[in-house]
């Protein structure tokens, strides 16, 4: 039975207990991070303001959305597992898009020799597809982008870390308090050396990306 009022508990945001040290072997050099602006590519509405019915947009075919109060939607930098991200601005009332639904977009990035592409993302069901990395010399490289289901109480399937889990799930005309959806922290390796200039995302609308950050390992002098 759906509850038609908002929960009295405060939203639970980041529950991460890991840091980038869990990703890197002992003795790895420190990392530099480059958050990527995605706003011009946003084409999905997955976050709703609480207590405003009906909600606008929808993460999936049922019109579910994440409650804005459970996410860092202030429009500034959000840090997850010590990795800085440029999280979407909360413009729920205006119905502005807040995530990138993958439809084969090419996202230009500052040219650099990166090791990892970190993403804050969720899928309408657990999904894996290929992204294409574009290099300055004209070459390309395919890498797997694997994202677990956002659906409440669904565990990660691809080794991600939990980034955010809100206290309840929004429907177009009510909120479901016993359902807690998730956004995941996933990473894509850059396995071929060279200067990356763009990331071409898969044509797979089940994958929703909220933020991307690129990682470069610093060179340590001997």
N, C-alpha and C. Protein backbone atom coordinates (compact mmCIF):
# COMPACT_ATOMS: atom_id res chain seq x y z
N UNK A 1 0.85 -1.18 0.00
CA UNK A 1 0.00 0.00 0.00
C UNK A 1 0.89 1.23 0.00
N UNK A 2 0.71 2.09 -0.95
CA UNK A 2 1.56 3.27 -1.07
C UNK A 2 1.19 4.32 -0.05
N UNK A 3 2.18 4.96 0.52
CA UNK A 3 1.96 6.08 1.40
C UNK A 3 1.82 7.34 0.56
N UNK A 4 0.88 8.22 0.92
CA UNK A 4 0.63 9.41 0.15
C UNK A 4 1.19 10.66 0.80
N UNK A 5 1.97 10.49 1.85
CA UNK A 5 2.62 11.62 2.50
C UNK A 5 4.12 11.41 2.46
N UNK A 6 4.85 12.49 2.71
CA UNK A 6 6.30 12.40 2.67
C UNK A 6 6.84 11.80 3.96
N UNK A 7 7.97 11.12 3.93
CA UNK A 7 8.52 10.49 5.12
C UNK A 7 9.02 11.53 6.10
N UNK A 8 8.99 11.17 7.38
CA UNK A 8 9.47 12.08 8.40
C UNK A 8 10.96 11.94 8.65
N UNK A 9 11.54 10.84 8.18
CA UNK A 9 12.97 10.63 8.40
C UNK A 9 13.77 11.47 7.41
N UNK A 10 15.00 11.78 7.78
CA UNK A 10 15.87 12.52 6.88
C UNK A 10 16.41 11.57 5.82
N UNK A 11 16.63 12.08 4.61
CA UNK A 11 17.14 11.22 3.54
C UNK A 11 18.55 10.75 3.85
N UNK A 12 18.84 9.58 3.41
CA UNK A 12 20.17 9.01 3.56
C UNK A 12 20.92 9.26 2.27
N UNK A 13 22.03 9.94 2.31
CA UNK A 13 22.78 10.22 1.10
C UNK A 13 23.90 9.21 0.97
N UNK A 14 25.13 9.66 0.92
CA UNK A 14 26.22 8.74 0.64
C UNK A 14 26.40 7.71 1.75
N UNK A 15 26.52 6.44 1.36
CA UNK A 15 26.76 5.37 2.31
C UNK A 15 28.08 4.68 2.01
N UNK A 16 28.93 5.33 1.24
CA UNK A 16 30.17 4.70 0.84
C UNK A 16 31.10 4.48 2.02
N UNK A 17 31.72 3.33 2.04
CA UNK A 17 32.74 3.05 3.04
C UNK A 17 34.08 2.81 2.35
N UNK A 18 34.12 3.03 1.03
CA UNK A 18 35.34 2.82 0.27
C UNK A 18 35.92 4.17 -0.17
N UNK A 19 37.16 4.15 -0.56
CA UNK A 19 37.83 5.33 -1.11
C UNK A 19 38.59 4.89 -2.36
N UNK A 20 39.15 5.83 -3.13
CA UNK A 20 39.93 5.42 -4.31
C UNK A 20 41.07 4.47 -3.99
N UNK A 21 41.52 4.44 -2.74
CA UNK A 21 42.58 3.51 -2.37
C UNK A 21 42.15 2.06 -2.58
N UNK A 22 40.83 1.82 -2.52
CA UNK A 22 40.34 0.46 -2.75
C UNK A 22 40.45 0.08 -4.22
N UNK A 23 40.54 1.08 -5.11
CA UNK A 23 40.64 0.82 -6.53
C UNK A 23 42.08 0.59 -6.98
N UNK A 24 43.03 1.15 -6.25
CA UNK A 24 44.42 1.15 -6.70
C UNK A 24 45.27 0.24 -5.82
N UNK A 25 46.26 -0.44 -6.40
CA UNK A 25 47.14 -1.29 -5.59
C UNK A 25 48.02 -0.45 -4.68
N UNK A 26 48.54 -1.06 -3.61
CA UNK A 26 49.42 -0.33 -2.70
C UNK A 26 50.61 0.27 -3.45
N UNK A 27 50.96 1.49 -3.07
CA UNK A 27 52.09 2.14 -3.71
C UNK A 27 51.76 2.89 -4.97
N UNK A 28 50.48 2.90 -5.38
CA UNK A 28 50.10 3.64 -6.58
C UNK A 28 50.31 5.14 -6.36
N UNK A 29 50.72 5.88 -7.40
CA UNK A 29 50.89 7.32 -7.25
C UNK A 29 49.56 8.01 -7.02
N UNK A 30 49.56 9.20 -6.43
CA UNK A 30 48.31 9.93 -6.21
C UNK A 30 47.65 10.31 -7.53
N UNK A 31 46.37 10.65 -7.45
CA UNK A 31 45.59 10.90 -8.66
C UNK A 31 45.15 12.35 -8.74
N UNK A 32 44.97 12.82 -9.98
CA UNK A 32 44.32 14.10 -10.26
C UNK A 32 42.98 13.80 -10.92
N UNK A 33 41.98 14.62 -10.62
CA UNK A 33 40.63 14.38 -11.13
C UNK A 33 40.14 15.58 -11.93
N UNK A 34 39.42 15.28 -13.01
CA UNK A 34 38.86 16.32 -13.88
C UNK A 34 37.36 16.06 -14.05
N UNK A 35 36.50 16.77 -13.29
CA UNK A 35 35.06 16.64 -13.51
C UNK A 35 34.67 17.18 -14.89
N UNK A 36 33.72 16.52 -15.52
CA UNK A 36 33.28 16.89 -16.86
C UNK A 36 31.86 17.46 -16.79
N UNK A 37 31.65 18.61 -17.41
CA UNK A 37 30.31 19.19 -17.45
C UNK A 37 29.42 18.44 -18.43
N UNK A 38 28.26 18.00 -17.97
CA UNK A 38 27.35 17.22 -18.82
C UNK A 38 26.04 17.93 -19.11
N UNK A 39 25.84 19.11 -18.57
CA UNK A 39 24.52 19.73 -18.63
C UNK A 39 23.99 19.87 -20.05
N UNK A 40 24.86 20.19 -21.00
CA UNK A 40 24.39 20.36 -22.37
C UNK A 40 23.91 19.05 -22.98
N UNK A 41 24.28 17.93 -22.36
CA UNK A 41 23.87 16.62 -22.88
C UNK A 41 22.66 16.04 -22.14
N UNK A 42 22.23 16.68 -21.07
CA UNK A 42 21.13 16.12 -20.28
C UNK A 42 19.86 16.03 -21.12
N UNK A 43 19.24 14.85 -21.08
CA UNK A 43 18.01 14.62 -21.83
C UNK A 43 17.01 13.78 -21.04
N UNK A 44 17.29 13.55 -19.77
CA UNK A 44 16.41 12.74 -18.92
C UNK A 44 16.06 13.46 -17.64
N UNK A 45 14.90 13.13 -17.11
CA UNK A 45 14.44 13.74 -15.86
C UNK A 45 14.27 12.63 -14.84
N UNK A 46 15.20 12.53 -13.90
CA UNK A 46 15.17 11.43 -12.94
C UNK A 46 15.05 11.84 -11.50
N UNK A 47 14.97 13.16 -11.24
CA UNK A 47 14.90 13.68 -9.87
C UNK A 47 13.68 14.59 -9.76
N UNK A 48 12.93 14.44 -8.67
CA UNK A 48 11.73 15.25 -8.45
C UNK A 48 11.79 15.95 -7.10
N UNK A 49 11.17 17.12 -7.04
CA UNK A 49 11.04 17.83 -5.77
C UNK A 49 9.95 17.15 -4.94
N UNK A 50 10.15 17.02 -3.64
CA UNK A 50 9.12 16.39 -2.79
C UNK A 50 7.90 17.28 -2.64
N UNK A 51 6.77 16.62 -2.39
CA UNK A 51 5.51 17.31 -2.08
C UNK A 51 5.00 18.17 -3.23
N UNK A 52 5.38 17.83 -4.45
CA UNK A 52 4.83 18.51 -5.62
C UNK A 52 4.27 17.44 -6.55
N UNK A 53 2.95 17.41 -6.64
CA UNK A 53 2.29 16.37 -7.43
C UNK A 53 1.49 17.01 -8.57
N UNK A 54 1.47 16.38 -9.75
CA UNK A 54 2.26 15.20 -10.12
C UNK A 54 3.72 15.59 -10.37
N UNK A 55 4.60 14.61 -10.26
CA UNK A 55 6.01 14.86 -10.53
C UNK A 55 6.21 15.04 -12.03
N UNK A 56 7.30 15.67 -12.39
CA UNK A 56 7.61 15.87 -13.81
C UNK A 56 8.66 14.85 -14.24
N UNK A 57 8.59 14.45 -15.49
CA UNK A 57 9.57 13.52 -16.02
C UNK A 57 9.40 12.13 -15.46
N UNK A 58 10.48 11.37 -15.54
CA UNK A 58 10.45 10.00 -15.04
C UNK A 58 11.71 9.27 -15.42
N UNK A 59 12.25 8.52 -14.48
CA UNK A 59 13.47 7.76 -14.73
C UNK A 59 13.19 6.56 -15.61
N UNK A 60 11.98 6.02 -15.50
CA UNK A 60 11.63 4.82 -16.26
C UNK A 60 10.20 4.93 -16.79
N UNK A 61 9.70 3.84 -17.35
CA UNK A 61 8.38 3.87 -17.98
C UNK A 61 7.26 4.09 -16.97
N UNK A 62 7.50 3.81 -15.69
CA UNK A 62 6.48 4.01 -14.65
C UNK A 62 6.52 5.42 -14.07
N UNK A 63 7.45 6.23 -14.55
CA UNK A 63 7.54 7.59 -14.05
C UNK A 63 8.19 7.72 -12.70
N UNK A 64 8.94 6.72 -12.27
CA UNK A 64 9.65 6.82 -10.98
C UNK A 64 10.75 7.88 -11.05
N UNK A 65 11.01 8.52 -9.91
CA UNK A 65 12.11 9.48 -9.80
C UNK A 65 12.74 9.40 -8.42
N UNK A 66 13.97 9.89 -8.32
CA UNK A 66 14.65 10.03 -7.03
C UNK A 66 14.17 11.32 -6.37
N UNK A 67 13.96 11.33 -5.05
CA UNK A 67 13.63 12.58 -4.36
C UNK A 67 14.86 13.48 -4.28
N UNK A 68 14.68 14.75 -4.64
CA UNK A 68 15.82 15.67 -4.67
C UNK A 68 16.46 15.84 -3.31
N UNK A 69 15.67 15.75 -2.25
CA UNK A 69 16.22 16.00 -0.92
C UNK A 69 17.18 14.91 -0.46
N UNK A 70 17.24 13.81 -1.18
CA UNK A 70 18.18 12.75 -0.82
C UNK A 70 19.45 12.76 -1.64
N UNK A 71 19.63 13.81 -2.47
CA UNK A 71 20.79 13.87 -3.36
C UNK A 71 21.47 15.22 -3.25
N UNK A 72 22.76 15.29 -3.58
CA UNK A 72 23.48 16.57 -3.50
C UNK A 72 23.25 17.43 -4.73
N UNK A 73 22.01 17.88 -4.92
CA UNK A 73 21.64 18.57 -6.15
C UNK A 73 21.77 20.08 -6.01
N UNK A 74 22.81 20.53 -5.36
CA UNK A 74 23.01 21.97 -5.21
C UNK A 74 23.70 22.62 -6.39
N UNK A 75 24.12 21.82 -7.34
CA UNK A 75 24.74 22.37 -8.52
C UNK A 75 26.24 22.60 -8.39
N UNK A 76 26.83 22.24 -7.26
CA UNK A 76 28.26 22.40 -7.09
C UNK A 76 28.95 21.05 -7.13
N UNK A 77 30.17 21.02 -6.61
CA UNK A 77 30.91 19.77 -6.59
C UNK A 77 30.37 18.86 -5.50
N UNK A 78 30.22 17.59 -5.83
CA UNK A 78 29.83 16.57 -4.86
C UNK A 78 30.96 15.55 -4.82
N UNK A 79 31.40 15.21 -3.64
CA UNK A 79 32.50 14.27 -3.49
C UNK A 79 31.98 12.91 -3.08
N UNK A 80 32.35 11.90 -3.85
CA UNK A 80 31.96 10.53 -3.57
C UNK A 80 33.22 9.68 -3.55
N UNK A 81 33.49 9.04 -2.42
CA UNK A 81 34.70 8.22 -2.26
C UNK A 81 35.95 9.02 -2.60
N UNK A 82 35.96 10.28 -2.16
CA UNK A 82 37.10 11.18 -2.38
C UNK A 82 37.29 11.57 -3.83
N UNK A 83 36.32 11.30 -4.68
CA UNK A 83 36.37 11.69 -6.09
C UNK A 83 35.39 12.84 -6.30
N UNK A 84 35.83 13.98 -6.83
CA UNK A 84 34.92 15.11 -7.04
C UNK A 84 34.10 14.92 -8.32
N UNK A 85 32.81 15.22 -8.21
CA UNK A 85 31.91 15.18 -9.35
C UNK A 85 31.16 16.50 -9.45
N UNK A 86 30.73 16.83 -10.65
CA UNK A 86 29.88 17.98 -10.86
C UNK A 86 28.44 17.47 -10.96
N UNK A 87 27.77 17.42 -9.81
CA UNK A 87 26.43 16.84 -9.77
C UNK A 87 25.41 17.83 -10.34
N UNK A 88 24.32 17.34 -10.94
CA UNK A 88 23.35 18.24 -11.57
C UNK A 88 22.72 19.23 -10.60
N UNK A 89 22.40 20.40 -11.13
CA UNK A 89 21.65 21.39 -10.36
C UNK A 89 20.24 20.88 -10.14
N UNK A 90 19.71 21.09 -8.93
CA UNK A 90 18.33 20.71 -8.64
C UNK A 90 17.40 21.79 -9.18
N UNK A 91 16.77 21.50 -10.30
CA UNK A 91 15.78 22.41 -10.87
C UNK A 91 14.48 21.64 -11.07
N UNK A 92 14.14 20.86 -10.03
CA UNK A 92 13.01 19.95 -10.12
C UNK A 92 11.71 20.66 -10.43
N UNK A 93 11.50 21.81 -9.80
CA UNK A 93 10.23 22.51 -9.97
C UNK A 93 10.02 22.93 -11.42
N UNK A 94 11.12 23.27 -12.11
CA UNK A 94 11.02 23.71 -13.49
C UNK A 94 10.99 22.54 -14.47
N UNK A 95 11.24 21.36 -13.98
CA UNK A 95 11.22 20.19 -14.85
C UNK A 95 12.43 20.07 -15.76
N UNK A 96 13.53 20.73 -15.40
CA UNK A 96 14.73 20.68 -16.24
C UNK A 96 15.36 19.30 -16.20
N UNK A 97 15.96 18.85 -17.31
CA UNK A 97 16.62 17.54 -17.31
C UNK A 97 17.81 17.52 -16.36
N UNK A 98 18.09 16.35 -15.80
CA UNK A 98 19.13 16.25 -14.78
C UNK A 98 20.03 15.04 -14.96
N UNK A 99 19.86 14.29 -16.04
CA UNK A 99 20.76 13.18 -16.29
C UNK A 99 20.87 12.93 -17.79
N UNK A 100 21.92 12.22 -18.14
CA UNK A 100 22.18 11.89 -19.53
C UNK A 100 21.71 10.46 -19.77
N UNK A 101 20.68 10.34 -20.55
CA UNK A 101 20.19 9.02 -20.95
C UNK A 101 20.94 8.63 -22.22
N UNK A 102 21.66 7.53 -22.17
CA UNK A 102 22.60 7.20 -23.24
C UNK A 102 21.88 6.91 -24.56
N UNK A 103 22.17 7.73 -25.56
CA UNK A 103 21.65 7.55 -26.90
C UNK A 103 22.75 7.75 -27.93
N UNK A 104 23.95 7.32 -27.59
CA UNK A 104 25.06 7.43 -28.52
C UNK A 104 25.73 8.79 -28.55
N UNK A 105 25.53 9.61 -27.50
CA UNK A 105 26.14 10.93 -27.47
C UNK A 105 27.67 10.84 -27.41
N UNK A 106 28.31 11.83 -28.01
CA UNK A 106 29.75 11.98 -27.90
C UNK A 106 30.04 13.15 -26.97
N UNK A 107 30.71 12.87 -25.87
CA UNK A 107 31.02 13.87 -24.86
C UNK A 107 32.48 14.27 -24.99
N UNK A 108 32.72 15.52 -25.39
CA UNK A 108 34.09 16.02 -25.47
C UNK A 108 34.66 16.18 -24.07
N UNK A 109 35.92 15.84 -23.91
CA UNK A 109 36.60 15.97 -22.61
C UNK A 109 37.90 16.74 -22.82
N UNK A 110 38.41 17.38 -21.78
CA UNK A 110 39.72 18.03 -21.91
C UNK A 110 40.76 16.99 -22.33
N UNK A 111 41.48 17.21 -23.41
CA UNK A 111 42.45 16.21 -23.86
C UNK A 111 43.43 15.84 -22.74
N UNK A 112 43.60 14.56 -22.55
CA UNK A 112 44.49 14.12 -21.48
C UNK A 112 44.77 12.64 -21.55
N UNK A 113 45.81 12.22 -20.87
CA UNK A 113 46.17 10.81 -20.78
C UNK A 113 45.59 10.26 -19.48
N UNK A 114 44.40 9.74 -19.57
CA UNK A 114 43.65 9.32 -18.39
C UNK A 114 43.83 7.82 -18.14
N UNK A 115 43.59 7.45 -16.88
CA UNK A 115 43.62 6.03 -16.50
C UNK A 115 42.22 5.47 -16.27
N UNK A 116 41.33 6.33 -15.73
CA UNK A 116 39.99 5.85 -15.39
C UNK A 116 38.96 6.92 -15.73
N UNK A 117 37.77 6.45 -16.07
CA UNK A 117 36.61 7.32 -16.23
C UNK A 117 35.61 6.90 -15.16
N UNK A 118 35.38 7.77 -14.19
CA UNK A 118 34.44 7.48 -13.10
C UNK A 118 33.07 8.06 -13.44
N UNK A 119 32.03 7.30 -13.19
CA UNK A 119 30.68 7.78 -13.49
C UNK A 119 29.77 7.56 -12.28
N UNK A 120 28.87 8.51 -12.07
CA UNK A 120 27.73 8.33 -11.17
C UNK A 120 26.55 8.02 -12.05
N UNK A 121 26.00 6.82 -11.92
CA UNK A 121 25.00 6.37 -12.87
C UNK A 121 24.08 5.34 -12.24
N UNK A 122 22.98 5.09 -12.93
CA UNK A 122 22.03 4.04 -12.55
C UNK A 122 21.35 3.56 -13.81
N UNK A 123 20.89 2.33 -13.78
CA UNK A 123 20.24 1.75 -14.95
C UNK A 123 18.81 1.34 -14.61
N UNK A 124 17.98 1.32 -15.63
CA UNK A 124 16.59 0.88 -15.43
C UNK A 124 16.52 -0.61 -15.17
N UNK A 125 17.55 -1.29 -15.50
CA UNK A 125 17.78 -2.69 -15.14
C UNK A 125 19.29 -2.87 -15.29
N UNK A 126 19.84 -3.89 -14.71
CA UNK A 126 21.30 -3.99 -14.83
C UNK A 126 21.66 -4.13 -16.31
N UNK A 127 22.61 -3.32 -16.73
CA UNK A 127 22.87 -3.16 -18.15
C UNK A 127 24.36 -3.03 -18.40
N UNK A 128 24.82 -3.62 -19.48
CA UNK A 128 26.20 -3.44 -19.90
C UNK A 128 26.24 -3.20 -21.40
N UNK A 129 27.09 -2.27 -21.80
CA UNK A 129 27.21 -1.90 -23.21
C UNK A 129 28.58 -1.28 -23.40
N UNK A 130 28.93 -1.02 -24.65
CA UNK A 130 30.26 -0.51 -24.95
C UNK A 130 30.27 1.00 -25.13
N UNK A 131 31.24 1.65 -24.51
CA UNK A 131 31.55 3.04 -24.80
C UNK A 131 32.79 3.06 -25.70
N UNK A 132 32.92 4.13 -26.48
CA UNK A 132 34.05 4.25 -27.41
C UNK A 132 34.88 5.46 -27.00
N UNK A 133 36.15 5.24 -26.72
CA UNK A 133 37.07 6.32 -26.40
C UNK A 133 37.72 6.82 -27.69
N UNK A 134 37.71 8.12 -27.89
CA UNK A 134 38.32 8.73 -29.07
C UNK A 134 39.63 9.41 -28.67
N UNK A 135 40.66 9.18 -29.48
CA UNK A 135 42.00 9.69 -29.18
C UNK A 135 42.39 10.80 -30.17
N UNK A 136 43.37 11.60 -29.74
CA UNK A 136 43.80 12.74 -30.55
C UNK A 136 44.37 12.32 -31.90
N UNK A 137 44.91 11.11 -31.99
CA UNK A 137 45.49 10.65 -33.26
C UNK A 137 44.46 10.04 -34.19
N UNK A 138 43.18 10.10 -33.81
CA UNK A 138 42.11 9.57 -34.65
C UNK A 138 41.73 8.14 -34.36
N UNK A 139 42.46 7.48 -33.49
CA UNK A 139 42.14 6.09 -33.15
C UNK A 139 41.01 6.04 -32.13
N UNK A 140 40.44 4.85 -31.98
CA UNK A 140 39.36 4.64 -31.01
C UNK A 140 39.63 3.35 -30.24
N UNK A 141 38.96 3.25 -29.11
CA UNK A 141 39.08 2.05 -28.27
C UNK A 141 37.75 1.80 -27.59
N UNK A 142 37.25 0.59 -27.66
CA UNK A 142 35.99 0.23 -27.01
C UNK A 142 36.25 -0.30 -25.60
N UNK A 143 35.43 0.19 -24.67
CA UNK A 143 35.52 -0.26 -23.28
C UNK A 143 34.11 -0.52 -22.76
N UNK A 144 33.99 -1.48 -21.84
CA UNK A 144 32.68 -1.82 -21.30
C UNK A 144 32.23 -0.81 -20.25
N UNK A 145 30.97 -0.41 -20.38
CA UNK A 145 30.30 0.40 -19.37
C UNK A 145 29.21 -0.47 -18.76
N UNK A 146 29.37 -0.81 -17.49
CA UNK A 146 28.46 -1.74 -16.82
C UNK A 146 27.82 -1.04 -15.62
N UNK A 147 26.49 -0.95 -15.63
CA UNK A 147 25.78 -0.21 -14.59
C UNK A 147 24.67 -1.08 -14.00
N UNK A 148 24.60 -1.14 -12.68
CA UNK A 148 23.58 -1.93 -11.99
C UNK A 148 22.25 -1.20 -11.92
N UNK A 149 21.23 -1.94 -11.51
CA UNK A 149 19.86 -1.45 -11.46
C UNK A 149 19.67 -0.41 -10.37
N UNK A 150 18.88 0.61 -10.67
CA UNK A 150 18.53 1.61 -9.65
C UNK A 150 17.46 1.09 -8.72
N UNK A 151 16.76 0.03 -9.12
CA UNK A 151 15.55 -0.40 -8.43
C UNK A 151 15.81 -0.68 -6.95
N UNK A 152 14.89 -0.29 -6.09
CA UNK A 152 15.09 -0.40 -4.63
C UNK A 152 15.55 -1.78 -4.17
N UNK A 153 16.53 -1.76 -3.28
CA UNK A 153 17.07 -2.95 -2.63
C UNK A 153 17.75 -3.91 -3.59
N UNK A 154 18.07 -3.46 -4.80
CA UNK A 154 18.80 -4.29 -5.75
C UNK A 154 20.29 -4.09 -5.54
N UNK A 155 21.02 -5.17 -5.36
CA UNK A 155 22.46 -5.07 -5.12
C UNK A 155 23.21 -4.78 -6.41
N UNK A 156 24.43 -4.28 -6.26
CA UNK A 156 25.28 -4.06 -7.43
C UNK A 156 25.66 -5.40 -8.04
N UNK A 157 25.81 -5.41 -9.36
CA UNK A 157 26.14 -6.63 -10.08
C UNK A 157 27.49 -6.55 -10.78
N UNK A 158 28.07 -5.36 -10.85
CA UNK A 158 29.27 -5.17 -11.65
C UNK A 158 30.43 -4.57 -10.85
N UNK A 159 30.41 -4.76 -9.53
CA UNK A 159 31.53 -4.30 -8.73
C UNK A 159 31.52 -2.83 -8.39
N UNK A 160 30.40 -2.16 -8.62
CA UNK A 160 30.33 -0.74 -8.28
C UNK A 160 30.34 -0.52 -6.78
N UNK A 161 30.53 0.75 -6.41
CA UNK A 161 30.31 1.18 -5.04
C UNK A 161 29.00 1.95 -4.99
N UNK A 162 28.32 1.86 -3.87
CA UNK A 162 27.09 2.62 -3.69
C UNK A 162 27.43 4.09 -3.49
N UNK A 163 26.88 4.94 -4.33
CA UNK A 163 27.11 6.39 -4.20
C UNK A 163 26.02 7.03 -3.36
N UNK A 164 24.76 6.84 -3.75
CA UNK A 164 23.63 7.43 -3.03
C UNK A 164 22.47 6.45 -3.00
N UNK A 165 21.79 6.42 -1.87
CA UNK A 165 20.56 5.64 -1.74
C UNK A 165 19.57 6.51 -0.97
N UNK A 166 18.50 6.89 -1.63
CA UNK A 166 17.52 7.77 -0.99
C UNK A 166 16.57 6.96 -0.12
N UNK A 167 15.84 7.65 0.75
CA UNK A 167 14.99 6.98 1.72
C UNK A 167 13.68 6.46 1.14
N UNK A 168 13.33 6.94 -0.03
CA UNK A 168 12.07 6.50 -0.62
C UNK A 168 12.11 6.73 -2.12
N UNK A 169 11.12 6.22 -2.81
CA UNK A 169 11.02 6.30 -4.26
C UNK A 169 9.79 7.12 -4.63
N UNK A 170 9.95 8.00 -5.61
CA UNK A 170 8.84 8.83 -6.05
C UNK A 170 8.09 8.16 -7.20
N UNK A 171 6.78 8.22 -7.14
CA UNK A 171 5.90 7.90 -8.26
C UNK A 171 5.25 9.21 -8.71
N UNK A 172 4.58 9.23 -9.86
CA UNK A 172 4.01 10.50 -10.34
C UNK A 172 3.07 11.18 -9.34
N UNK A 173 2.34 10.40 -8.52
CA UNK A 173 1.36 11.01 -7.62
C UNK A 173 1.47 10.56 -6.17
N UNK A 174 2.53 9.86 -5.84
CA UNK A 174 2.74 9.47 -4.45
C UNK A 174 4.20 9.05 -4.26
N UNK A 175 4.58 8.83 -3.02
CA UNK A 175 5.92 8.32 -2.71
C UNK A 175 5.80 6.98 -2.01
N UNK A 176 6.74 6.09 -2.30
CA UNK A 176 6.75 4.75 -1.74
C UNK A 176 7.89 4.66 -0.73
N UNK A 177 7.54 4.62 0.57
CA UNK A 177 8.55 4.75 1.61
C UNK A 177 9.40 3.52 1.82
N UNK A 178 8.90 2.37 1.49
CA UNK A 178 9.66 1.15 1.76
C UNK A 178 10.51 0.74 0.56
N UNK A 179 10.73 1.65 -0.38
CA UNK A 179 11.53 1.38 -1.57
C UNK A 179 12.63 2.43 -1.65
N UNK A 180 13.89 1.98 -1.68
CA UNK A 180 15.01 2.92 -1.60
C UNK A 180 15.93 2.73 -2.82
N UNK A 181 15.81 3.57 -3.83
CA UNK A 181 16.59 3.42 -5.06
C UNK A 181 18.04 3.89 -4.90
N UNK A 182 18.89 3.46 -5.83
CA UNK A 182 20.33 3.69 -5.71
C UNK A 182 20.92 4.35 -6.95
N UNK A 183 21.97 5.13 -6.72
CA UNK A 183 22.86 5.61 -7.77
C UNK A 183 24.24 5.04 -7.45
N UNK A 184 24.93 4.55 -8.48
CA UNK A 184 26.17 3.81 -8.28
C UNK A 184 27.38 4.59 -8.75
N UNK A 185 28.52 4.31 -8.13
CA UNK A 185 29.81 4.80 -8.58
C UNK A 185 30.50 3.68 -9.33
N UNK A 186 30.67 3.87 -10.63
CA UNK A 186 31.33 2.88 -11.48
C UNK A 186 32.53 3.53 -12.16
N UNK A 187 33.43 2.72 -12.64
CA UNK A 187 34.59 3.24 -13.36
C UNK A 187 34.84 2.42 -14.62
N UNK A 188 35.33 3.10 -15.64
CA UNK A 188 35.65 2.49 -16.92
C UNK A 188 37.16 2.65 -17.13
N UNK A 189 37.88 1.58 -17.41
CA UNK A 189 39.32 1.71 -17.59
C UNK A 189 39.68 2.33 -18.94
N UNK A 190 40.77 3.05 -18.96
CA UNK A 190 41.35 3.52 -20.22
C UNK A 190 42.56 2.63 -20.47
N UNK A 191 42.37 1.59 -21.25
CA UNK A 191 43.39 0.54 -21.37
C UNK A 191 44.44 0.84 -22.43
N UNK A 192 44.13 1.71 -23.38
CA UNK A 192 45.10 2.05 -24.42
C UNK A 192 45.73 3.40 -24.11
N UNK A 193 47.06 3.50 -24.10
CA UNK A 193 47.69 4.79 -23.82
C UNK A 193 47.43 5.79 -24.95
N UNK A 194 47.49 7.06 -24.61
CA UNK A 194 47.27 8.10 -25.60
C UNK A 194 46.41 9.21 -25.03
N UNK A 195 46.21 10.24 -25.83
CA UNK A 195 45.45 11.41 -25.40
C UNK A 195 43.99 11.24 -25.77
N UNK A 196 43.14 11.08 -24.75
CA UNK A 196 41.70 10.93 -24.96
C UNK A 196 41.07 12.30 -25.16
N UNK A 197 40.21 12.43 -26.17
CA UNK A 197 39.56 13.71 -26.47
C UNK A 197 38.04 13.65 -26.35
N UNK A 198 37.47 12.45 -26.38
CA UNK A 198 36.01 12.34 -26.30
C UNK A 198 35.63 10.94 -25.86
N UNK A 199 34.45 10.85 -25.25
CA UNK A 199 33.87 9.57 -24.85
C UNK A 199 32.53 9.44 -25.56
N UNK A 200 32.43 8.45 -26.43
CA UNK A 200 31.17 8.18 -27.14
C UNK A 200 30.39 7.13 -26.35
N UNK A 201 29.23 7.52 -25.88
CA UNK A 201 28.43 6.63 -25.04
C UNK A 201 27.60 5.68 -25.88
N UNK A 202 27.19 4.55 -25.32
CA UNK A 202 26.39 3.59 -26.10
C UNK A 202 25.00 4.12 -26.39
N UNK A 203 24.39 3.58 -27.42
CA UNK A 203 22.98 3.89 -27.71
C UNK A 203 22.14 2.91 -26.91
N UNK A 204 21.99 3.20 -25.63
CA UNK A 204 21.31 2.31 -24.70
C UNK A 204 20.58 3.16 -23.67
N UNK A 205 19.32 3.50 -23.92
CA UNK A 205 18.59 4.43 -23.04
C UNK A 205 18.30 3.90 -21.64
N UNK A 206 18.64 2.65 -21.37
CA UNK A 206 18.45 2.12 -20.02
C UNK A 206 19.52 2.64 -19.06
N UNK A 207 20.61 3.19 -19.60
CA UNK A 207 21.70 3.71 -18.77
C UNK A 207 21.54 5.21 -18.60
N UNK A 208 21.52 5.66 -17.34
CA UNK A 208 21.39 7.08 -17.01
C UNK A 208 22.65 7.52 -16.27
N UNK A 209 23.31 8.56 -16.79
CA UNK A 209 24.54 9.07 -16.18
C UNK A 209 24.27 10.46 -15.61
N UNK A 210 24.61 10.64 -14.33
CA UNK A 210 24.43 11.92 -13.66
C UNK A 210 25.71 12.75 -13.66
N UNK A 211 26.87 12.12 -13.67
CA UNK A 211 28.13 12.86 -13.61
C UNK A 211 29.27 11.96 -14.07
N UNK A 212 30.31 12.60 -14.63
CA UNK A 212 31.52 11.92 -15.08
C UNK A 212 32.74 12.68 -14.57
N UNK A 213 33.73 11.94 -14.08
CA UNK A 213 35.01 12.53 -13.69
C UNK A 213 36.14 11.66 -14.23
N UNK A 214 37.15 12.29 -14.79
CA UNK A 214 38.30 11.60 -15.35
C UNK A 214 39.45 11.58 -14.34
N UNK A 215 40.18 10.49 -14.32
CA UNK A 215 41.29 10.34 -13.37
C UNK A 215 42.61 10.18 -14.09
N UNK A 216 43.60 10.93 -13.63
CA UNK A 216 44.97 10.82 -14.13
C UNK A 216 45.88 10.53 -12.95
N UNK A 217 46.73 9.52 -13.08
CA UNK A 217 47.72 9.22 -12.04
C UNK A 217 48.95 10.09 -12.25
N UNK A 218 49.38 10.75 -11.19
CA UNK A 218 50.54 11.62 -11.28
C UNK A 218 51.82 10.79 -11.46
N UNK A 219 52.75 11.36 -12.19
CA UNK A 219 54.06 10.73 -12.35
C UNK A 219 54.93 11.10 -11.16
N UNK A 220 55.46 10.09 -10.51
CA UNK A 220 56.30 10.32 -9.33
C UNK A 220 57.76 10.14 -9.72
N UNK A 221 58.55 11.15 -9.45
CA UNK A 221 59.97 11.09 -9.80
C UNK A 221 60.68 10.03 -8.97
N UNK A 222 61.61 9.37 -9.59
CA UNK A 222 62.37 8.32 -8.90
C UNK A 222 63.31 8.93 -7.87
